[in-house]
Amino acid sequence: MASAMVNRGGCRIMKSVSAALGTRFYAKIATGTDIVSAAPSVSLQKARTWDEGLASKFSTTPLRDIFKDKKVVIFGLPGAYTGVCSNKHVPPYKENIDKFKAKGIDSVICVAINDPYTMNAWAEKLQAKDAIEFYGDFDGSFHKSLDLVTDLSGALLGTRSERWSAYVVDGKVKALNVEEAPSDVKVSGADTILGQI
């Protein structure tokens, strides 16, 4: 299957065009969308150990704290410990962290519909915590708010995140890339987003 690069300013127009062409339309967010407003009252859970979660009284991080007054690259993926995510999606972001920093990126974030403890253990296994910030979206509320969910029950994963990436400046989406198939890393990888900054 081909991948779709989504850089939209006019959601409704693109949705009509996509429907006419028989292609899939992805997210309700588009270039220029305020990601904080698109997911009001949503928080993410920073990757951490169970003891750290307990000590913080299971605190969460509001989206405004992640995106306000910052240049952020964020990428979402179906799940921790899955093959494509572990082998093809996260490593290039880790390997290119110096290039992201050289372009003025404040943080590179990986998010998945997983609990923060699983995300923490996975980040440690990948030895990527020093380069990338990992967040859990434990109930999928972030991804559901952005219409970036997919049903992967066939792989025994249930409701999961699409595979996607975005460049966000002060909460505004400057570039958005969503894969047509969750097994692809064709438009959501580090090289693509580096070229869009």
C-alpha atoms as a PDB file:
ATOM      1  CA  MET A   1       0.000   0.000   0.000  1.00  0.00           C
ATOM      2  CA  ALA A   2       1.099   3.571  -0.603  1.00  0.00           C
ATOM      3  CA  SER A   3       1.562   5.974   2.264  1.00  0.00           C
ATOM      4  CA  ALA A   4      -0.189   9.295   2.562  1.00  0.00           C
ATOM      5  CA  MET A   5       1.558  12.488   3.500  1.00  0.00           C
ATOM      6  CA  VAL A   6      -1.008  14.726   5.108  1.00  0.00           C
ATOM      7  CA  ASN A   7      -0.290  18.456   5.041  1.00  0.00           C
ATOM      8  CA  ARG A   8      -3.742  19.954   5.041  1.00  0.00           C
ATOM      9  CA  GLY A   9      -5.063  23.452   5.373  1.00  0.00           C
ATOM     10  CA  GLY A  10      -8.620  22.666   4.245  1.00  0.00           C
ATOM     11  CA  CYS A  11      -9.920  19.557   6.006  1.00  0.00           C
ATOM     12  CA  ARG A  12     -13.380  19.457   4.415  1.00  0.00           C
ATOM     13  CA  ILE A  13     -12.083  19.971   0.887  1.00  0.00           C
ATOM     14  CA  MET A  14      -9.469  17.252   1.278  1.00  0.00           C
ATOM     15  CA  LYS A  15     -12.024  14.916   2.844  1.00  0.00           C
ATOM     16  CA  SER A  16     -14.282  15.316  -0.207  1.00  0.00           C
ATOM     17  CA  VAL A  17     -11.369  14.810  -2.605  1.00  0.00           C
ATOM     18  CA  SER A  18     -10.195  11.765  -0.664  1.00  0.00           C
ATOM     19  CA  ALA A  19     -13.677  10.249  -0.689  1.00  0.00           C
ATOM     20  CA  ALA A  20     -14.005  10.847  -4.430  1.00  0.00           C
ATOM     21  CA  LEU A  21     -10.660   9.184  -5.084  1.00  0.00           C
ATOM     22  CA  GLY A  22     -11.462   6.279  -2.784  1.00  0.00           C
ATOM     23  CA  THR A  23      -8.500   7.056  -0.548  1.00  0.00           C
ATOM     24  CA  ARG A  24      -8.511   7.171   3.204  1.00  0.00           C
ATOM     25  CA  PHE A  25      -8.788  10.480   5.080  1.00  0.00           C
ATOM     26  CA  TYR A  26      -6.956  10.439   8.362  1.00  0.00           C
ATOM     27  CA  ALA A  27      -7.008  13.000  11.115  1.00  0.00           C
ATOM     28  CA  LYS A  28      -9.220  15.937  11.936  1.00  0.00           C
ATOM     29  CA  ILE A  29      -6.157  18.041  12.702  1.00  0.00           C
ATOM     30  CA  ALA A  30      -4.440  19.827   9.841  1.00  0.00           C
ATOM     31  CA  THR A  31      -1.653  22.273   9.171  1.00  0.00           C
ATOM     32  CA  GLY A  32      -2.406  25.357  11.277  1.00  0.00           C
ATOM     33  CA  THR A  33      -4.510  23.488  13.845  1.00  0.00           C
ATOM     34  CA  ASP A  34      -3.807  24.238  17.499  1.00  0.00           C
ATOM     35  CA  ILE A  35      -3.127  20.759  18.855  1.00  0.00           C
ATOM     36  CA  VAL A  36      -3.970  21.846  22.426  1.00  0.00           C
ATOM     37  CA  SER A  37      -7.393  23.159  21.369  1.00  0.00           C
ATOM     38  CA  ALA A  38      -8.016  20.038  19.263  1.00  0.00           C
ATOM     39  CA  ALA A  39      -7.586  17.888  22.376  1.00  0.00           C
ATOM     40  CA  PRO A  40      -9.031  20.054  25.174  1.00  0.00           C
ATOM     41  CA  SER A  41      -8.519  18.903  28.752  1.00  0.00           C
ATOM     42  CA  VAL A  42      -6.290  16.038  27.577  1.00  0.00           C
ATOM     43  CA  SER A  43      -3.080  15.153  29.379  1.00  0.00           C
ATOM     44  CA  LEU A  44      -0.352  12.625  28.633  1.00  0.00           C
ATOM     45  CA  GLN A  45       1.603  10.519  31.091  1.00  0.00           C
ATOM     46  CA  LYS A  46       5.379  10.880  31.029  1.00  0.00           C
ATOM     47  CA  ALA A  47       7.186   7.532  30.894  1.00  0.00           C
ATOM     48  CA  ARG A  48       8.249   6.472  34.387  1.00  0.00           C
ATOM     49  CA  THR A  49       8.569   3.558  36.753  1.00  0.00           C
ATOM     50  CA  TRP A  50       5.662   2.473  38.913  1.00  0.00           C
ATOM     51  CA  ASP A  51       7.416   3.878  42.009  1.00  0.00           C
ATOM     52  CA  GLU A  52       7.899   7.232  40.273  1.00  0.00           C
ATOM     53  CA  GLY A  53       4.211   7.228  39.326  1.00  0.00           C
ATOM     54  CA  LEU A  54       3.210   6.474  42.897  1.00  0.00           C
ATOM     55  CA  ALA A  55       5.516   9.191  44.270  1.00  0.00           C
ATOM     56  CA  SER A  56       4.004  11.748  41.866  1.00  0.00           C
ATOM     57  CA  LYS A  57       0.459  10.658  42.836  1.00  0.00           C
ATOM     58  CA  PHE A  58       0.034   9.499  39.238  1.00  0.00           C
ATOM     59  CA  SER A  59       0.409  13.006  37.856  1.00  0.00           C
ATOM     60  CA  THR A  60      -0.159  13.745  34.192  1.00  0.00           C
ATOM     61  CA  THR A  61       1.214  16.411  31.854  1.00  0.00           C
ATOM     62  CA  PRO A  62      -1.253  18.839  30.231  1.00  0.00           C
ATOM     63  CA  LEU A  63      -0.704  19.332  26.502  1.00  0.00           C
ATOM     64  CA  ARG A  64      -0.041  23.054  26.986  1.00  0.00           C
ATOM     65  CA  ASP A  65       2.995  22.174  29.126  1.00  0.00           C
ATOM     66  CA  ILE A  66       4.330  20.014  26.308  1.00  0.00           C
ATOM     67  CA  PHE A  67       3.729  22.420  23.402  1.00  0.00           C
ATOM     68  CA  LYS A  68       3.432  26.038  24.642  1.00  0.00           C
ATOM     69  CA  ASP A  69       6.278  28.299  23.492  1.00  0.00           C
ATOM     70  CA  LYS A  70       8.204  25.296  22.152  1.00  0.00           C
ATOM     71  CA  LYS A  71       9.216  23.721  18.865  1.00  0.00           C
ATOM     72  CA  VAL A  72       8.298  20.056  19.125  1.00  0.00           C
ATOM     73  CA  VAL A  73       8.531  17.022  16.885  1.00  0.00           C
ATOM     74  CA  ILE A  74       6.037  14.392  17.987  1.00  0.00           C
ATOM     75  CA  PHE A  75       5.487  10.972  16.519  1.00  0.00           C
ATOM     76  CA  GLY A  76       2.863   8.399  17.358  1.00  0.00           C
ATOM     77  CA  LEU A  77       3.012   4.681  16.832  1.00  0.00           C
ATOM     78  CA  PRO A  78       0.866   1.607  17.446  1.00  0.00           C
ATOM     79  CA  GLY A  79       2.647   0.327  20.512  1.00  0.00           C
ATOM     80  CA  ALA A  80       5.649  -0.325  22.670  1.00  0.00           C
ATOM     81  CA  TYR A  81       7.616  -3.499  21.977  1.00  0.00           C
ATOM     82  CA  THR A  82       6.036  -4.032  18.557  1.00  0.00           C
ATOM     83  CA  GLY A  83       8.393  -4.916  15.711  1.00  0.00           C
ATOM     84  CA  VAL A  84       8.164  -1.988  13.285  1.00  0.00           C
ATOM     85  CA  CYS A  85       7.970   0.537  16.140  1.00  0.00           C
ATOM     86  CA  SER A  86      11.053  -0.883  17.857  1.00  0.00           C
ATOM     87  CA  ASN A  87      13.158  -1.565  14.789  1.00  0.00           C
ATOM     88  CA  LYS A  88      12.234   1.059  12.192  1.00  0.00           C
ATOM     89  CA  HIS A  89      10.387   4.001  13.737  1.00  0.00           C
ATOM     90  CA  VAL A  90      12.109   4.976  17.005  1.00  0.00           C
ATOM     91  CA  PRO A  91      15.800   4.305  16.138  1.00  0.00           C
ATOM     92  CA  PRO A  92      16.118   6.953  13.356  1.00  0.00           C
ATOM     93  CA  TYR A  93      14.680   9.613  15.687  1.00  0.00           C
ATOM     94  CA  LYS A  94      17.240   8.651  18.322  1.00  0.00           C
ATOM     95  CA  GLU A  95      20.091   8.577  15.772  1.00  0.00           C
ATOM     96  CA  ASN A  96      19.145  12.018  14.396  1.00  0.00           C
ATOM     97  CA  ILE A  97      18.589  13.829  17.695  1.00  0.00           C
ATOM     98  CA  ASP A  98      21.568  16.153  17.083  1.00  0.00           C
ATOM     99  CA  LYS A  99      20.072  17.197  13.733  1.00  0.00           C
ATOM    100  CA  PHE A 100      16.745  17.986  15.419  1.00  0.00           C
ATOM    101  CA  LYS A 101      18.489  20.039  18.114  1.00  0.00           C
ATOM    102  CA  ALA A 102      20.532  21.874  15.448  1.00  0.00           C
ATOM    103  CA  LYS A 103      17.228  22.928  13.848  1.00  0.00           C
ATOM    104  CA  GLY A 104      16.037  24.409  17.140  1.00  0.00           C
ATOM    105  CA  ILE A 105      13.732  21.600  18.221  1.00  0.00           C
ATOM    106  CA  ASP A 106      13.137  21.732  21.984  1.00  0.00           C
ATOM    107  CA  SER A 107      11.914  18.160  22.275  1.00  0.00           C
ATOM    108  CA  VAL A 108      11.313  15.035  20.241  1.00  0.00           C
ATOM    109  CA  ILE A 109       8.377  13.082  21.662  1.00  0.00           C
ATOM    110  CA  CYS A 110       7.181   9.524  21.110  1.00  0.00           C
ATOM    111  CA  VAL A 111       3.604   8.751  22.141  1.00  0.00           C
ATOM    112  CA  ALA A 112       1.551   5.559  22.022  1.00  0.00           C
ATOM    113  CA  ILE A 113      -1.652   4.179  23.495  1.00  0.00           C
ATOM    114  CA  ASN A 114       0.175   2.439  26.316  1.00  0.00           C
ATOM    115  CA  ASP A 115       0.593   3.034  30.030  1.00  0.00           C
ATOM    116  CA  PRO A 116       3.589   5.155  31.094  1.00  0.00           C
ATOM    117  CA  TYR A 117       5.283   2.201  32.825  1.00  0.00           C
ATOM    118  CA  THR A 118       5.367   0.102  29.667  1.00  0.00           C
ATOM    119  CA  MET A 119       6.585   3.141  27.720  1.00  0.00           C
ATOM    120  CA  ASN A 120       9.354   3.651  30.292  1.00  0.00           C
ATOM    121  CA  ALA A 121      10.573   0.042  30.174  1.00  0.00           C
ATOM    122  CA  TRP A 122      10.492   0.096  26.370  1.00  0.00           C
ATOM    123  CA  ALA A 123      12.397   3.410  26.179  1.00  0.00           C
ATOM    124  CA  GLU A 124      15.053   1.979  28.483  1.00  0.00           C
ATOM    125  CA  LYS A 125      15.310  -1.191  26.387  1.00  0.00           C
ATOM    126  CA  LEU A 126      15.810   0.980  23.273  1.00  0.00           C
ATOM    127  CA  GLN A 127      18.326   3.140  25.187  1.00  0.00           C
ATOM    128  CA  ALA A 128      16.461   6.165  23.844  1.00  0.00           C
ATOM    129  CA  LYS A 129      15.352   8.030  26.996  1.00  0.00           C
ATOM    130  CA  ASP A 130      18.248  10.492  26.848  1.00  0.00           C
ATOM    131  CA  ALA A 131      17.279  11.577  23.325  1.00  0.00           C
ATOM    132  CA  ILE A 132      13.500  11.202  23.118  1.00  0.00           C
ATOM    133  CA  GLU A 133      10.719  11.995  25.588  1.00  0.00           C
ATOM    134  CA  PHE A 134       8.266   9.102  25.832  1.00  0.00           C
ATOM    135  CA  TYR A 135       4.630   9.576  26.837  1.00  0.00           C
ATOM    136  CA  GLY A 136       1.760   7.189  27.351  1.00  0.00           C
ATOM    137  CA  ASP A 137      -1.783   7.914  26.217  1.00  0.00           C
ATOM    138  CA  PHE A 138      -3.156   5.231  28.494  1.00  0.00           C
ATOM    139  CA  ASP A 139      -6.829   5.526  27.526  1.00  0.00           C
ATOM    140  CA  GLY A 140      -6.298   6.790  23.978  1.00  0.00           C
ATOM    141  CA  SER A 141      -7.988  10.142  24.710  1.00  0.00           C
ATOM    142  CA  PHE A 142      -5.252  12.146  22.956  1.00  0.00           C
ATOM    143  CA  HIS A 143      -5.332  10.072  19.790  1.00  0.00           C
ATOM    144  CA  LYS A 144      -9.145   9.838  19.795  1.00  0.00           C
ATOM    145  CA  SER A 145      -9.402  13.627  20.071  1.00  0.00           C
ATOM    146  CA  LEU A 146      -7.238  13.960  16.948  1.00  0.00           C
ATOM    147  CA  ASP A 147      -8.942  11.098  15.050  1.00  0.00           C
ATOM    148  CA  LEU A 148      -5.605   9.296  14.941  1.00  0.00           C
ATOM    149  CA  VAL A 149      -6.793   5.869  16.093  1.00  0.00           C
ATOM    150  CA  THR A 150      -7.010   2.591  14.246  1.00  0.00           C
ATOM    151  CA  ASP A 151      -8.383  -0.849  15.100  1.00  0.00           C
ATOM    152  CA  LEU A 152      -5.571  -3.383  15.231  1.00  0.00           C
ATOM    153  CA  SER A 153      -7.619  -6.183  16.803  1.00  0.00           C
ATOM    154  CA  GLY A 154      -6.397  -8.504  14.050  1.00  0.00           C
ATOM    155  CA  ALA A 155      -2.926  -8.255  15.594  1.00  0.00           C
ATOM    156  CA  LEU A 156      -4.411  -8.619  19.125  1.00  0.00           C
ATOM    157  CA  LEU A 157      -3.672  -4.954  19.892  1.00  0.00           C
ATOM    158  CA  GLY A 158      -7.193  -3.464  19.933  1.00  0.00           C
ATOM    159  CA  THR A 159      -7.562   0.300  19.534  1.00  0.00           C
ATOM    160  CA  ARG A 160      -4.181   1.835  18.813  1.00  0.00           C
ATOM    161  CA  SER A 161      -2.568   4.962  17.430  1.00  0.00           C
ATOM    162  CA  GLU A 162      -2.081   5.445  13.728  1.00  0.00           C
ATOM    163  CA  ARG A 163       1.590   5.733  12.777  1.00  0.00           C
ATOM    164  CA  TRP A 164       2.170   9.473  12.355  1.00  0.00           C
ATOM    165  CA  SER A 165       4.485  12.426  12.933  1.00  0.00           C
ATOM    166  CA  ALA A 166       4.046  16.173  13.311  1.00  0.00           C
ATOM    167  CA  TYR A 167       6.110  19.322  13.606  1.00  0.00           C
ATOM    168  CA  VAL A 168       4.430  21.636  16.123  1.00  0.00           C
ATOM    169  CA  VAL A 169       5.422  25.236  16.962  1.00  0.00           C
ATOM    170  CA  ASP A 170       3.803  26.857  20.019  1.00  0.00           C
ATOM    171  CA  GLY A 171       0.965  24.363  19.745  1.00  0.00           C
ATOM    172  CA  LYS A 172       0.311  24.960  16.030  1.00  0.00           C
ATOM    173  CA  VAL A 173       0.750  22.059  13.626  1.00  0.00           C
ATOM    174  CA  LYS A 174       3.195  23.037  10.880  1.00  0.00           C
ATOM    175  CA  ALA A 175       3.435  19.589   9.240  1.00  0.00           C
ATOM    176  CA  LEU A 176       1.497  16.355   9.710  1.00  0.00           C
ATOM    177  CA  ASN A 177       2.328  12.962   8.203  1.00  0.00           C
ATOM    178  CA  VAL A 178       0.132   9.882   8.604  1.00  0.00           C
ATOM    179  CA  GLU A 179       0.924   6.456   7.231  1.00  0.00           C
ATOM    180  CA  GLU A 180      -1.726   4.678   5.177  1.00  0.00           C
ATOM    181  CA  ALA A 181      -0.805   1.360   6.804  1.00  0.00           C
ATOM    182  CA  PRO A 182       0.408   1.090  10.418  1.00  0.00           C
ATOM    183  CA  SER A 183       3.123  -1.317   9.278  1.00  0.00           C
ATOM    184  CA  ASP A 184       4.681   1.396   7.047  1.00  0.00           C
ATOM    185  CA  VAL A 185       7.348   3.928   7.987  1.00  0.00           C
ATOM    186  CA  LYS A 186       7.349   5.855   4.722  1.00  0.00           C
ATOM    187  CA  VAL A 187       6.174   9.368   5.625  1.00  0.00           C
ATOM    188  CA  SER A 188       6.279   9.429   9.436  1.00  0.00           C
ATOM    189  CA  GLY A 189       9.995   8.773   9.875  1.00  0.00           C
ATOM    190  CA  ALA A 190      12.727  11.077  11.102  1.00  0.00           C
ATOM    191  CA  ASP A 191      14.059  11.948   7.633  1.00  0.00           C
ATOM    192  CA  THR A 192      10.690  13.248   6.420  1.00  0.00           C
ATOM    193  CA  ILE A 193      10.042  15.481   9.417  1.00  0.00           C
ATOM    194  CA  LEU A 194      13.624  16.784   9.399  1.00  0.00           C
ATOM    195  CA  GLY A 195      12.993  17.996   5.853  1.00  0.00           C
ATOM    196  CA  GLN A 196       9.827  19.793   6.949  1.00  0.00           C
ATOM    197  CA  ILE A 197      11.374  21.857   9.736  1.00  0.00           C
END
